[in-house]
Amino acid sequence: MENELISGKAVGGKARAASLTSEERKAIARKAAGARWVGDLPVASHEGEFPVGDAILSCANLLDGRRIITQATFLRALGRSRSPKAGTGVLSTVDELPFFLQANALNPFIPDDLASSTRPIFYKTKEGKKGVGYDATLLPKVAEVYLKFRDECLRETGEVPRQYAHIVLAADILMRGLAHVGIIALIDEATGYQKDRARDELVRIFEAFVAKELQPWMKAFPSEFYEHIFRLRGLKYPPATVRRPQYFGHLTNDIIYRRLAPGVWKELKKKVEKYENGRPKHKLHQRLTPDFGHPKLKDLVISVITIMKLSRKWPDFKHKLDFVHPAYNETMLLPFALRDDNGKGL
């Protein structure tokens, strides 16, 4: 098989790498490694392991819906024993193509969508530790690249180059194993069992956000939050009192709690104890977990205040809010007699 020339982004990456000194490459790696762990990383809601062929894959579900396979088991499943250098968190070149797809001979078999979607995912584990993984759908796609390469080798020369033989074997075992896993998923869908799995996912989210015990009182909403609600609704803000119109509680449920995480608002409402007159004994945010739920609430409140600052009137604010933080698909029940500031029904 003739060697294929590297083109496009890979050419630029290799040319740039060749022009750098050893110290410059190390400095770039250190800077990239630090940047990967800065910012609001996605968090794992579920973690576990499952067998595929001869491999045991460690996996996780992220709260944003992505499913990942940890980098270490992803590499081992492909017959690669190499590990990232300490602190870098990923094996890639300057052009960010992962090393397991860098061989020139593989280029003809790598589709464009695969080449553009192989960046590692940096996240926090359930224990709050650093984690690195790949989108789970990449594994069969990468394995297929090696199997197409194998088929071409067998057609042209009758054998697979020795340096790729163990990876091709691992890819073949993976694809066979994934076929068995796939039939199980199809059965779960046909029988409706996947709905039970979905309910279990919701329970895990509740465990992350909603505390079993009432948390000590803490201020969740700064005065600025209410100042903007008054302004956007055309009301005069009373700085000398903390009393708010009763329907402000419904507004807060709508613009904050219904946008926090799937099902969390309803779960919080169920947890709230009430007096005989129906008034709640404590605030909803006191039912949030201090290590996860409350920080997420704080981040959302800050974001909502920013949107308020960029809005002139309440309808304008709600339009922007629904675009940036759409509410989860839940029906919000409001009292029939509830009226807005102009006497119209909400």
C-alpha atoms as a PDB file:
ATOM      1  CA  MET A   1       0.000   0.000   0.000  1.00  0.00           C
ATOM      2  CA  GLU A   2       1.355   3.397  -0.977  1.00  0.00           C
ATOM      3  CA  ASN A   3       1.791   5.903   1.801  1.00  0.00           C
ATOM      4  CA  GLU A   4      -0.871   8.585   1.746  1.00  0.00           C
ATOM      5  CA  LEU A   5       0.236  12.200   2.095  1.00  0.00           C
ATOM      6  CA  ILE A   6      -1.096  14.174   5.023  1.00  0.00           C
ATOM      7  CA  SER A   7      -3.052  17.204   3.922  1.00  0.00           C
ATOM      8  CA  GLY A   8      -5.175  20.049   5.269  1.00  0.00           C
ATOM      9  CA  LYS A   9      -5.066  20.825   8.977  1.00  0.00           C
ATOM     10  CA  ALA A  10      -2.632  17.984   9.660  1.00  0.00           C
ATOM     11  CA  VAL A  11      -0.047  19.590   7.341  1.00  0.00           C
ATOM     12  CA  GLY A  12      -0.250  22.862   9.251  1.00  0.00           C
ATOM     13  CA  GLY A  13      -0.007  21.052  12.556  1.00  0.00           C
ATOM     14  CA  LYS A  14       3.061  19.038  11.589  1.00  0.00           C
ATOM     15  CA  ALA A  15       4.745  22.064  10.031  1.00  0.00           C
ATOM     16  CA  ARG A  16       4.147  24.092  13.159  1.00  0.00           C
ATOM     17  CA  ALA A  17       5.393  21.290  15.400  1.00  0.00           C
ATOM     18  CA  ALA A  18       8.566  20.946  13.345  1.00  0.00           C
ATOM     19  CA  SER A  19       9.317  24.670  13.681  1.00  0.00           C
ATOM     20  CA  LEU A  20       9.066  24.671  17.480  1.00  0.00           C
ATOM     21  CA  THR A  21      11.923  24.093  19.879  1.00  0.00           C
ATOM     22  CA  SER A  22      11.674  21.461  22.593  1.00  0.00           C
ATOM     23  CA  GLU A  23      11.103  24.119  25.237  1.00  0.00           C
ATOM     24  CA  GLU A  24       8.408  25.819  23.138  1.00  0.00           C
ATOM     25  CA  ARG A  25       6.572  22.523  22.701  1.00  0.00           C
ATOM     26  CA  LYS A  26       6.734  21.893  26.455  1.00  0.00           C
ATOM     27  CA  ALA A  27       5.424  25.407  27.167  1.00  0.00           C
ATOM     28  CA  ILE A  28       2.495  24.891  24.770  1.00  0.00           C
ATOM     29  CA  ALA A  29       1.701  21.535  26.413  1.00  0.00           C
ATOM     30  CA  ARG A  30       1.782  23.071  29.906  1.00  0.00           C
ATOM     31  CA  LYS A  31      -0.465  25.958  28.863  1.00  0.00           C
ATOM     32  CA  ALA A  32      -2.928  23.642  27.142  1.00  0.00           C
ATOM     33  CA  ALA A  33      -2.962  21.292  30.142  1.00  0.00           C
ATOM     34  CA  GLY A  34      -3.832  24.124  32.509  1.00  0.00           C
ATOM     35  CA  ALA A  35      -6.532  25.533  30.236  1.00  0.00           C
ATOM     36  CA  ARG A  36      -8.302  22.188  30.012  1.00  0.00           C
ATOM     37  CA  TRP A  37      -9.212  22.261  33.691  1.00  0.00           C
ATOM     38  CA  VAL A  38     -10.366  25.888  33.835  1.00  0.00           C
ATOM     39  CA  GLY A  39     -14.023  26.804  33.561  1.00  0.00           C
ATOM     40  CA  ASP A  40     -17.333  25.112  34.208  1.00  0.00           C
ATOM     41  CA  LEU A  41     -16.594  21.453  33.449  1.00  0.00           C
ATOM     42  CA  PRO A  42     -19.455  18.994  32.888  1.00  0.00           C
ATOM     43  CA  VAL A  43     -20.194  16.704  35.835  1.00  0.00           C
ATOM     44  CA  ALA A  44     -20.812  12.950  35.839  1.00  0.00           C
ATOM     45  CA  SER A  45     -24.209  11.858  37.151  1.00  0.00           C
ATOM     46  CA  HIS A  46     -23.557   8.122  36.647  1.00  0.00           C
ATOM     47  CA  GLU A  47     -20.385   6.036  36.478  1.00  0.00           C
ATOM     48  CA  GLY A  48     -19.867   2.350  35.833  1.00  0.00           C
ATOM     49  CA  GLU A  49     -18.198  -0.415  33.821  1.00  0.00           C
ATOM     50  CA  PHE A  50     -19.343  -2.864  31.165  1.00  0.00           C
ATOM     51  CA  PRO A  51     -17.604  -5.692  29.265  1.00  0.00           C
ATOM     52  CA  VAL A  52     -17.133  -5.653  25.488  1.00  0.00           C
ATOM     53  CA  GLY A  53     -15.226  -8.615  24.133  1.00  0.00           C
ATOM     54  CA  ASP A  54     -12.050  -8.939  26.195  1.00  0.00           C
ATOM     55  CA  ALA A  55     -12.179  -5.340  27.420  1.00  0.00           C
ATOM     56  CA  ILE A  56     -13.773  -3.757  30.488  1.00  0.00           C
ATOM     57  CA  LEU A  57     -14.822  -0.219  29.624  1.00  0.00           C
ATOM     58  CA  SER A  58     -15.255   2.455  32.279  1.00  0.00           C
ATOM     59  CA  CYS A  59     -17.992   4.887  31.326  1.00  0.00           C
ATOM     60  CA  ALA A  60     -19.994   7.826  32.610  1.00  0.00           C
ATOM     61  CA  ASN A  61     -23.168   9.766  31.918  1.00  0.00           C
ATOM     62  CA  LEU A  62     -22.755  13.529  32.147  1.00  0.00           C
ATOM     63  CA  LEU A  63     -25.517  15.773  33.437  1.00  0.00           C
ATOM     64  CA  ASP A  64     -25.642  17.467  30.017  1.00  0.00           C
ATOM     65  CA  GLY A  65     -26.707  14.151  28.449  1.00  0.00           C
ATOM     66  CA  ARG A  66     -23.414  13.016  26.913  1.00  0.00           C
ATOM     67  CA  ARG A  67     -22.192   9.446  27.349  1.00  0.00           C
ATOM     68  CA  ILE A  68     -18.445   8.955  27.540  1.00  0.00           C
ATOM     69  CA  ILE A  69     -15.853   6.204  27.835  1.00  0.00           C
ATOM     70  CA  THR A  70     -12.847   7.068  29.962  1.00  0.00           C
ATOM     71  CA  GLN A  71      -9.674   7.757  28.037  1.00  0.00           C
ATOM     72  CA  ALA A  72      -7.638   4.984  29.675  1.00  0.00           C
ATOM     73  CA  THR A  73     -10.109   2.183  28.901  1.00  0.00           C
ATOM     74  CA  PHE A  74     -10.827   3.641  25.434  1.00  0.00           C
ATOM     75  CA  LEU A  75      -7.125   3.281  24.618  1.00  0.00           C
ATOM     76  CA  ARG A  76      -6.779  -0.169  26.164  1.00  0.00           C
ATOM     77  CA  ALA A  77      -9.828  -1.392  24.231  1.00  0.00           C
ATOM     78  CA  LEU A  78      -7.988  -0.424  21.039  1.00  0.00           C
ATOM     79  CA  GLY A  79      -4.886  -2.304  22.094  1.00  0.00           C
ATOM     80  CA  ARG A  80      -3.007   0.851  23.014  1.00  0.00           C
ATOM     81  CA  SER A  81      -1.196   0.776  26.345  1.00  0.00           C
ATOM     82  CA  ARG A  82       0.190   4.285  26.107  1.00  0.00           C
ATOM     83  CA  SER A  83      -0.913   6.814  28.764  1.00  0.00           C
ATOM     84  CA  PRO A  84      -0.961  10.627  28.774  1.00  0.00           C
ATOM     85  CA  LYS A  85       1.938  12.425  30.391  1.00  0.00           C
ATOM     86  CA  ALA A  86       1.185  13.632  33.898  1.00  0.00           C
ATOM     87  CA  GLY A  87      -0.933  16.753  33.871  1.00  0.00           C
ATOM     88  CA  THR A  88      -1.582  16.919  30.111  1.00  0.00           C
ATOM     89  CA  GLY A  89      -4.772  14.879  30.293  1.00  0.00           C
ATOM     90  CA  VAL A  90      -4.695  13.916  26.619  1.00  0.00           C
ATOM     91  CA  LEU A  91      -2.589  12.299  23.931  1.00  0.00           C
ATOM     92  CA  SER A  92      -2.590  14.458  20.799  1.00  0.00           C
ATOM     93  CA  THR A  93      -0.342  16.501  18.547  1.00  0.00           C
ATOM     94  CA  VAL A  94      -0.304  20.257  18.015  1.00  0.00           C
ATOM     95  CA  ASP A  95      -3.206  19.930  15.550  1.00  0.00           C
ATOM     96  CA  GLU A  96      -5.149  18.023  18.256  1.00  0.00           C
ATOM     97  CA  LEU A  97      -5.654  14.824  16.234  1.00  0.00           C
ATOM     98  CA  PRO A  98      -5.527  11.942  18.758  1.00  0.00           C
ATOM     99  CA  PHE A  99      -2.463   9.761  18.392  1.00  0.00           C
ATOM    100  CA  PHE A 100      -4.473   6.614  17.607  1.00  0.00           C
ATOM    101  CA  LEU A 101      -5.550   8.224  14.298  1.00  0.00           C
ATOM    102  CA  GLN A 102      -2.265   9.920  13.379  1.00  0.00           C
ATOM    103  CA  ALA A 103      -0.778   7.204  11.148  1.00  0.00           C
ATOM    104  CA  ASN A 104      -0.547   8.298   7.498  1.00  0.00           C
ATOM    105  CA  ALA A 105      -1.870   4.923   6.346  1.00  0.00           C
ATOM    106  CA  LEU A 106      -5.187   5.542   8.150  1.00  0.00           C
ATOM    107  CA  ASN A 107      -5.958   8.904   6.490  1.00  0.00           C
ATOM    108  CA  PRO A 108      -8.016   7.521   3.553  1.00  0.00           C
ATOM    109  CA  PHE A 109     -10.356   5.753   5.982  1.00  0.00           C
ATOM    110  CA  ILE A 110     -11.027   8.647   8.393  1.00  0.00           C
ATOM    111  CA  PRO A 111     -14.277  10.465   7.479  1.00  0.00           C
ATOM    112  CA  ASP A 112     -14.372  14.241   7.958  1.00  0.00           C
ATOM    113  CA  ASP A 113     -16.987  14.069  10.715  1.00  0.00           C
ATOM    114  CA  LEU A 114     -14.783  11.696  12.725  1.00  0.00           C
ATOM    115  CA  ALA A 115     -11.663  13.839  12.311  1.00  0.00           C
ATOM    116  CA  SER A 116     -13.554  16.877  13.628  1.00  0.00           C
ATOM    117  CA  SER A 117     -15.121  15.139  16.645  1.00  0.00           C
ATOM    118  CA  THR A 118     -12.219  13.410  18.354  1.00  0.00           C
ATOM    119  CA  ARG A 119     -11.396  16.005  20.972  1.00  0.00           C
ATOM    120  CA  PRO A 120     -11.308  14.558  24.488  1.00  0.00           C
ATOM    121  CA  ILE A 121     -13.965  15.556  27.004  1.00  0.00           C
ATOM    122  CA  PHE A 122     -12.731  16.955  30.308  1.00  0.00           C
ATOM    123  CA  TYR A 123     -15.168  16.531  33.178  1.00  0.00           C
ATOM    124  CA  LYS A 124     -15.550  16.104  36.921  1.00  0.00           C
ATOM    125  CA  THR A 125     -16.255  12.670  38.333  1.00  0.00           C
ATOM    126  CA  LYS A 126     -19.006  12.093  40.888  1.00  0.00           C
ATOM    127  CA  GLU A 127     -16.324  12.455  43.566  1.00  0.00           C
ATOM    128  CA  GLY A 128     -15.262  15.813  42.135  1.00  0.00           C
ATOM    129  CA  LYS A 129     -11.976  14.537  40.657  1.00  0.00           C
ATOM    130  CA  LYS A 130     -10.595  15.288  37.193  1.00  0.00           C
ATOM    131  CA  GLY A 131     -11.712  12.934  34.436  1.00  0.00           C
ATOM    132  CA  VAL A 132     -10.886  12.592  30.734  1.00  0.00           C
ATOM    133  CA  GLY A 133     -12.932  10.632  28.240  1.00  0.00           C
ATOM    134  CA  TYR A 134     -14.187  10.389  24.684  1.00  0.00           C
ATOM    135  CA  ASP A 135     -17.706  10.459  23.318  1.00  0.00           C
ATOM    136  CA  ALA A 136     -18.834   6.835  23.478  1.00  0.00           C
ATOM    137  CA  THR A 137     -19.954   6.853  19.838  1.00  0.00           C
ATOM    138  CA  LEU A 138     -16.338   7.386  18.753  1.00  0.00           C
ATOM    139  CA  LEU A 139     -15.236   3.908  19.810  1.00  0.00           C
ATOM    140  CA  PRO A 140     -17.002   1.926  17.049  1.00  0.00           C
ATOM    141  CA  LYS A 141     -16.120   4.638  14.517  1.00  0.00           C
ATOM    142  CA  VAL A 142     -12.414   4.427  15.344  1.00  0.00           C
ATOM    143  CA  ALA A 143     -12.550   0.621  15.327  1.00  0.00           C
ATOM    144  CA  GLU A 144     -14.185   0.756  11.899  1.00  0.00           C
ATOM    145  CA  VAL A 145     -11.316   2.894  10.571  1.00  0.00           C
ATOM    146  CA  TYR A 146      -8.861   0.123  11.484  1.00  0.00           C
ATOM    147  CA  LEU A 147     -11.094  -2.585  10.015  1.00  0.00           C
ATOM    148  CA  LYS A 148     -11.415  -0.710   6.707  1.00  0.00           C
ATOM    149  CA  PHE A 149      -7.642  -0.315   6.741  1.00  0.00           C
ATOM    150  CA  ARG A 150      -7.325  -4.088   7.330  1.00  0.00           C
ATOM    151  CA  ASP A 151      -9.667  -4.904   4.455  1.00  0.00           C
ATOM    152  CA  GLU A 152      -7.678  -2.686   2.090  1.00  0.00           C
ATOM    153  CA  CYS A 153      -4.401  -4.277   3.212  1.00  0.00           C
ATOM    154  CA  LEU A 154      -5.759  -7.773   2.613  1.00  0.00           C
ATOM    155  CA  ARG A 155      -6.975  -6.810  -0.867  1.00  0.00           C
ATOM    156  CA  GLU A 156      -3.650  -5.256  -1.885  1.00  0.00           C
ATOM    157  CA  THR A 157      -0.978  -7.350  -0.140  1.00  0.00           C
ATOM    158  CA  GLY A 158      -2.797 -10.206   1.567  1.00  0.00           C
ATOM    159  CA  GLU A 159      -1.603  -9.203   5.040  1.00  0.00           C
ATOM    160  CA  VAL A 160      -1.830  -6.473   7.669  1.00  0.00           C
ATOM    161  CA  PRO A 161       1.408  -4.619   8.528  1.00  0.00           C
ATOM    162  CA  ARG A 162       2.885  -6.076  11.689  1.00  0.00           C
ATOM    163  CA  GLN A 163       2.782  -2.797  13.660  1.00  0.00           C
ATOM    164  CA  TYR A 164      -1.014  -2.616  13.222  1.00  0.00           C
ATOM    165  CA  ALA A 165      -1.893  -6.272  13.690  1.00  0.00           C
ATOM    166  CA  HIS A 166      -2.686  -6.115  17.428  1.00  0.00           C
ATOM    167  CA  ILE A 167      -4.815  -2.968  17.024  1.00  0.00           C
ATOM    168  CA  VAL A 168      -6.770  -4.489  14.134  1.00  0.00           C
ATOM    169  CA  LEU A 169      -7.407  -7.597  16.241  1.00  0.00           C
ATOM    170  CA  ALA A 170      -8.626  -5.449  19.151  1.00  0.00           C
ATOM    171  CA  ALA A 171     -10.897  -3.471  16.793  1.00  0.00           C
ATOM    172  CA  ASP A 172     -12.407  -6.685  15.428  1.00  0.00           C
ATOM    173  CA  ILE A 173     -13.104  -8.006  18.949  1.00  0.00           C
ATOM    174  CA  LEU A 174     -14.632  -4.659  19.904  1.00  0.00           C
ATOM    175  CA  MET A 175     -17.034  -4.566  16.960  1.00  0.00           C
ATOM    176  CA  ARG A 176     -18.182  -8.123  17.645  1.00  0.00           C
ATOM    177  CA  GLY A 177     -18.695  -7.329  21.320  1.00  0.00           C
ATOM    178  CA  LEU A 178     -20.579  -4.122  20.570  1.00  0.00           C
ATOM    179  CA  ALA A 179     -22.938  -6.092  18.341  1.00  0.00           C
ATOM    180  CA  HIS A 180     -23.942  -8.167  21.383  1.00  0.00           C
ATOM    181  CA  VAL A 181     -24.407  -5.047  23.496  1.00  0.00           C
ATOM    182  CA  GLY A 182     -26.466  -3.510  20.698  1.00  0.00           C
ATOM    183  CA  ILE A 183     -29.005  -6.333  20.658  1.00  0.00           C
ATOM    184  CA  ILE A 184     -29.566  -5.833  24.389  1.00  0.00           C
ATOM    185  CA  ALA A 185     -30.256  -2.123  23.824  1.00  0.00           C
ATOM    186  CA  LEU A 186     -32.716  -2.952  21.024  1.00  0.00           C
ATOM    187  CA  ILE A 187     -34.606  -5.344  23.306  1.00  0.00           C
ATOM    188  CA  ASP A 188     -34.735  -2.735  26.089  1.00  0.00           C
ATOM    189  CA  GLU A 189     -36.261  -0.247  23.662  1.00  0.00           C
ATOM    190  CA  ALA A 190     -38.771  -2.746  22.256  1.00  0.00           C
ATOM    191  CA  THR A 191     -39.985  -3.810  25.713  1.00  0.00           C
ATOM    192  CA  GLY A 192     -40.028  -0.304  27.186  1.00  0.00           C
ATOM    193  CA  TYR A 193     -37.367  -1.167  29.760  1.00  0.00           C
ATOM    194  CA  GLN A 194     -35.378   1.927  28.758  1.00  0.00           C
ATOM    195  CA  LYS A 195     -38.098   4.018  30.432  1.00  0.00           C
ATOM    196  CA  ASP A 196     -37.175   2.468  33.771  1.00  0.00           C
ATOM    197  CA  ARG A 197     -33.559   3.363  33.066  1.00  0.00           C
ATOM    198  CA  ALA A 198     -34.639   6.950  32.360  1.00  0.00           C
ATOM    199  CA  ARG A 199     -36.445   7.118  35.703  1.00  0.00           C
ATOM    200  CA  ASP A 200     -33.316   5.879  37.428  1.00  0.00           C
ATOM    201  CA  GLU A 201     -31.319   8.663  35.759  1.00  0.00           C
ATOM    202  CA  LEU A 202     -33.804  11.192  37.157  1.00  0.00           C
ATOM    203  CA  VAL A 203     -33.368   9.750  40.645  1.00  0.00           C
ATOM    204  CA  ARG A 204     -29.601  10.202  40.359  1.00  0.00           C
ATOM    205  CA  ILE A 205     -30.079  13.848  39.371  1.00  0.00           C
ATOM    206  CA  PHE A 206     -32.325  14.338  42.394  1.00  0.00           C
ATOM    207  CA  GLU A 207     -29.617  12.844  44.609  1.00  0.00           C
ATOM    208  CA  ALA A 208     -27.076  15.301  43.216  1.00  0.00           C
ATOM    209  CA  PHE A 209     -29.310  18.379  43.564  1.00  0.00           C
ATOM    210  CA  VAL A 210     -31.823  17.724  46.339  1.00  0.00           C
ATOM    211  CA  ALA A 211     -30.631  17.173  49.909  1.00  0.00           C
ATOM    212  CA  LYS A 212     -32.311  14.608  52.153  1.00  0.00           C
ATOM    213  CA  GLU A 213     -31.896  16.905  55.160  1.00  0.00           C
ATOM    214  CA  LEU A 214     -32.763  20.580  55.440  1.00  0.00           C
ATOM    215  CA  GLN A 215     -29.681  22.755  54.992  1.00  0.00           C
ATOM    216  CA  PRO A 216     -28.877  25.728  57.248  1.00  0.00           C
ATOM    217  CA  TRP A 217     -30.335  29.007  56.075  1.00  0.00           C
ATOM    218  CA  MET A 218     -28.227  30.746  53.462  1.00  0.00           C
ATOM    219  CA  LYS A 219     -29.011  33.719  51.240  1.00  0.00           C
ATOM    220  CA  ALA A 220     -29.568  32.470  47.693  1.00  0.00           C
ATOM    221  CA  PHE A 221     -30.918  35.575  45.963  1.00  0.00           C
ATOM    222  CA  PRO A 222     -29.069  38.906  46.279  1.00  0.00           C
ATOM    223  CA  SER A 223     -31.006  42.161  46.526  1.00  0.00           C
ATOM    224  CA  GLU A 224     -29.990  42.927  42.934  1.00  0.00           C
ATOM    225  CA  PHE A 225     -32.077  39.966  41.743  1.00  0.00           C
ATOM    226  CA  TYR A 226     -35.273  41.481  43.191  1.00  0.00           C
ATOM    227  CA  GLU A 227     -34.346  45.027  42.174  1.00  0.00           C
ATOM    228  CA  HIS A 228     -34.322  43.930  38.547  1.00  0.00           C
ATOM    229  CA  ILE A 229     -37.626  42.043  38.891  1.00  0.00           C
ATOM    230  CA  PHE A 230     -39.232  45.237  40.219  1.00  0.00           C
ATOM    231  CA  ARG A 231     -37.662  47.300  37.422  1.00  0.00           C
ATOM    232  CA  LEU A 232     -38.600  44.896  34.609  1.00  0.00           C
ATOM    233  CA  ARG A 233     -42.191  44.761  35.833  1.00  0.00           C
ATOM    234  CA  GLY A 234     -42.435  48.552  36.140  1.00  0.00           C
ATOM    235  CA  LEU A 235     -42.652  48.579  39.935  1.00  0.00           C
ATOM    236  CA  LYS A 236     -40.902  50.817  42.448  1.00  0.00           C
ATOM    237  CA  TYR A 237     -38.320  48.901  44.487  1.00  0.00           C
ATOM    238  CA  PRO A 238     -38.741  49.269  48.285  1.00  0.00           C
ATOM    239  CA  PRO A 239     -35.177  49.083  49.731  1.00  0.00           C
ATOM    240  CA  ALA A 240     -36.379  49.443  53.347  1.00  0.00           C
ATOM    241  CA  THR A 241     -38.251  46.101  53.421  1.00  0.00           C
ATOM    242  CA  VAL A 242     -37.744  42.518  52.279  1.00  0.00           C
ATOM    243  CA  ARG A 243     -41.469  41.992  51.723  1.00  0.00           C
ATOM    244  CA  ARG A 244     -42.294  41.116  48.121  1.00  0.00           C
ATOM    245  CA  PRO A 245     -45.587  40.665  46.269  1.00  0.00           C
ATOM    246  CA  GLN A 246     -46.803  37.117  46.885  1.00  0.00           C
ATOM    247  CA  TYR A 247     -46.677  36.168  43.220  1.00  0.00           C
ATOM    248  CA  PHE A 248     -42.913  36.880  43.154  1.00  0.00           C
ATOM    249  CA  GLY A 249     -42.523  33.339  44.498  1.00  0.00           C
ATOM    250  CA  HIS A 250     -44.212  31.976  41.371  1.00  0.00           C
ATOM    251  CA  LEU A 251     -42.001  34.167  39.201  1.00  0.00           C
ATOM    252  CA  THR A 252     -38.897  32.825  40.964  1.00  0.00           C
ATOM    253  CA  ASN A 253     -40.058  29.244  40.450  1.00  0.00           C
ATOM    254  CA  ASP A 254     -40.524  29.983  36.754  1.00  0.00           C
ATOM    255  CA  ILE A 255     -37.288  31.839  35.990  1.00  0.00           C
ATOM    256  CA  ILE A 256     -34.985  29.893  38.335  1.00  0.00           C
ATOM    257  CA  TYR A 257     -36.062  26.523  39.719  1.00  0.00           C
ATOM    258  CA  ARG A 258     -37.723  25.204  36.552  1.00  0.00           C
ATOM    259  CA  ARG A 259     -34.445  25.843  34.693  1.00  0.00           C
ATOM    260  CA  LEU A 260     -32.049  24.312  37.217  1.00  0.00           C
ATOM    261  CA  ALA A 261     -32.130  20.630  36.138  1.00  0.00           C
ATOM    262  CA  PRO A 262     -34.711  18.105  34.882  1.00  0.00           C
ATOM    263  CA  GLY A 263     -37.376  17.390  37.508  1.00  0.00           C
ATOM    264  CA  VAL A 264     -35.600  19.268  40.310  1.00  0.00           C
ATOM    265  CA  TRP A 265     -38.311  21.924  40.747  1.00  0.00           C
ATOM    266  CA  LYS A 266     -41.032  19.313  41.217  1.00  0.00           C
ATOM    267  CA  GLU A 267     -38.859  17.303  43.591  1.00  0.00           C
ATOM    268  CA  LEU A 268     -38.108  20.397  45.672  1.00  0.00           C
ATOM    269  CA  LYS A 269     -41.820  21.232  45.874  1.00  0.00           C
ATOM    270  CA  LYS A 270     -42.556  17.732  47.167  1.00  0.00           C
ATOM    271  CA  LYS A 271     -39.899  18.098  49.877  1.00  0.00           C
ATOM    272  CA  VAL A 272     -41.224  21.396  51.254  1.00  0.00           C
ATOM    273  CA  GLU A 273     -43.135  21.055  54.526  1.00  0.00           C
ATOM    274  CA  LYS A 274     -46.074  23.433  55.015  1.00  0.00           C
ATOM    275  CA  TYR A 275     -47.942  25.036  57.907  1.00  0.00           C
ATOM    276  CA  GLU A 276     -51.663  24.491  58.376  1.00  0.00           C
ATOM    277  CA  ASN A 277     -52.404  27.650  56.377  1.00  0.00           C
ATOM    278  CA  GLY A 278     -50.484  26.224  53.421  1.00  0.00           C
ATOM    279  CA  ARG A 279     -47.436  28.488  53.648  1.00  0.00           C
ATOM    280  CA  PRO A 280     -44.052  26.752  53.303  1.00  0.00           C
ATOM    281  CA  LYS A 281     -41.945  26.274  56.441  1.00  0.00           C
ATOM    282  CA  HIS A 282     -38.662  26.875  54.595  1.00  0.00           C
ATOM    283  CA  LYS A 283     -37.191  28.124  51.312  1.00  0.00           C
ATOM    284  CA  LEU A 284     -36.781  25.820  48.323  1.00  0.00           C
ATOM    285  CA  HIS A 285     -33.034  26.460  48.137  1.00  0.00           C
ATOM    286  CA  GLN A 286     -32.605  25.068  51.657  1.00  0.00           C
ATOM    287  CA  ARG A 287     -33.389  21.667  50.146  1.00  0.00           C
ATOM    288  CA  LEU A 288     -30.484  21.862  47.692  1.00  0.00           C
ATOM    289  CA  THR A 289     -27.273  19.957  48.365  1.00  0.00           C
ATOM    290  CA  PRO A 290     -24.487  22.291  49.577  1.00  0.00           C
ATOM    291  CA  ASP A 291     -21.739  20.720  47.443  1.00  0.00           C
ATOM    292  CA  PHE A 292     -23.586  20.599  44.106  1.00  0.00           C
ATOM    293  CA  GLY A 293     -27.154  21.879  44.100  1.00  0.00           C
ATOM    294  CA  HIS A 294     -26.525  25.233  45.768  1.00  0.00           C
ATOM    295  CA  PRO A 295     -23.430  26.129  43.652  1.00  0.00           C
ATOM    296  CA  LYS A 296     -25.446  25.352  40.505  1.00  0.00           C
ATOM    297  CA  LEU A 297     -28.252  27.587  41.795  1.00  0.00           C
ATOM    298  CA  LYS A 298     -25.776  30.389  42.469  1.00  0.00           C
ATOM    299  CA  ASP A 299     -24.334  30.109  38.933  1.00  0.00           C
ATOM    300  CA  LEU A 300     -27.819  30.199  37.416  1.00  0.00           C
ATOM    301  CA  VAL A 301     -28.869  33.233  39.488  1.00  0.00           C
ATOM    302  CA  ILE A 302     -25.761  35.141  38.344  1.00  0.00           C
ATOM    303  CA  SER A 303     -26.518  34.282  34.718  1.00  0.00           C
ATOM    304  CA  VAL A 304     -30.185  35.306  35.070  1.00  0.00           C
ATOM    305  CA  ILE A 305     -29.196  38.650  36.629  1.00  0.00           C
ATOM    306  CA  THR A 306     -26.911  39.271  33.651  1.00  0.00           C
ATOM    307  CA  ILE A 307     -29.831  38.632  31.279  1.00  0.00           C
ATOM    308  CA  MET A 308     -31.976  40.983  33.391  1.00  0.00           C
ATOM    309  CA  LYS A 309     -29.389  43.741  33.002  1.00  0.00           C
ATOM    310  CA  LEU A 310     -29.576  43.353  29.221  1.00  0.00           C
ATOM    311  CA  SER A 311     -33.381  43.580  29.183  1.00  0.00           C
ATOM    312  CA  ARG A 312     -35.733  46.579  29.198  1.00  0.00           C
ATOM    313  CA  LYS A 313     -39.109  45.008  30.000  1.00  0.00           C
ATOM    314  CA  TRP A 314     -40.345  41.687  31.396  1.00  0.00           C
ATOM    315  CA  PRO A 315     -41.398  40.206  28.009  1.00  0.00           C
ATOM    316  CA  ASP A 316     -37.980  41.080  26.575  1.00  0.00           C
ATOM    317  CA  PHE A 317     -36.289  39.427  29.558  1.00  0.00           C
ATOM    318  CA  LYS A 318     -38.433  36.264  29.310  1.00  0.00           C
ATOM    319  CA  HIS A 319     -37.685  35.947  25.584  1.00  0.00           C
ATOM    320  CA  LYS A 320     -33.935  36.105  26.205  1.00  0.00           C
ATOM    321  CA  LEU A 321     -34.160  33.833  29.238  1.00  0.00           C
ATOM    322  CA  ASP A 322     -36.078  31.163  27.323  1.00  0.00           C
ATOM    323  CA  PHE A 323     -33.377  31.223  24.657  1.00  0.00           C
ATOM    324  CA  VAL A 324     -30.387  31.031  27.030  1.00  0.00           C
ATOM    325  CA  HIS A 325     -31.912  28.861  29.795  1.00  0.00           C
ATOM    326  CA  PRO A 326     -35.012  27.091  28.434  1.00  0.00           C
ATOM    327  CA  ALA A 327     -37.249  25.634  31.123  1.00  0.00           C
ATOM    328  CA  TYR A 328     -37.386  21.867  31.376  1.00  0.00           C
ATOM    329  CA  ASN A 329     -40.582  20.321  30.043  1.00  0.00           C
ATOM    330  CA  GLU A 330     -42.773  20.610  33.114  1.00  0.00           C
ATOM    331  CA  THR A 331     -46.227  22.083  33.578  1.00  0.00           C
ATOM    332  CA  MET A 332     -46.219  24.858  36.144  1.00  0.00           C
ATOM    333  CA  LEU A 333     -49.512  25.027  38.059  1.00  0.00           C
ATOM    334  CA  LEU A 334     -50.483  28.570  39.075  1.00  0.00           C
ATOM    335  CA  PRO A 335     -53.485  29.702  41.159  1.00  0.00           C
ATOM    336  CA  PHE A 336     -56.441  30.653  38.962  1.00  0.00           C
ATOM    337  CA  ALA A 337     -56.824  34.044  40.639  1.00  0.00           C
ATOM    338  CA  LEU A 338     -53.168  35.056  40.157  1.00  0.00           C
ATOM    339  CA  ARG A 339     -52.919  38.469  38.443  1.00  0.00           C
ATOM    340  CA  ASP A 340     -50.025  40.477  37.072  1.00  0.00           C
ATOM    341  CA  ASP A 341     -49.211  44.088  37.994  1.00  0.00           C
ATOM    342  CA  ASN A 342     -51.882  45.428  35.603  1.00  0.00           C
ATOM    343  CA  GLY A 343     -54.640  43.141  36.876  1.00  0.00           C
ATOM    344  CA  LYS A 344     -54.436  40.722  33.972  1.00  0.00           C
ATOM    345  CA  GLY A 345     -54.219  36.958  34.458  1.00  0.00           C
ATOM    346  CA  LEU A 346     -50.742  35.491  34.318  1.00  0.00           C
END
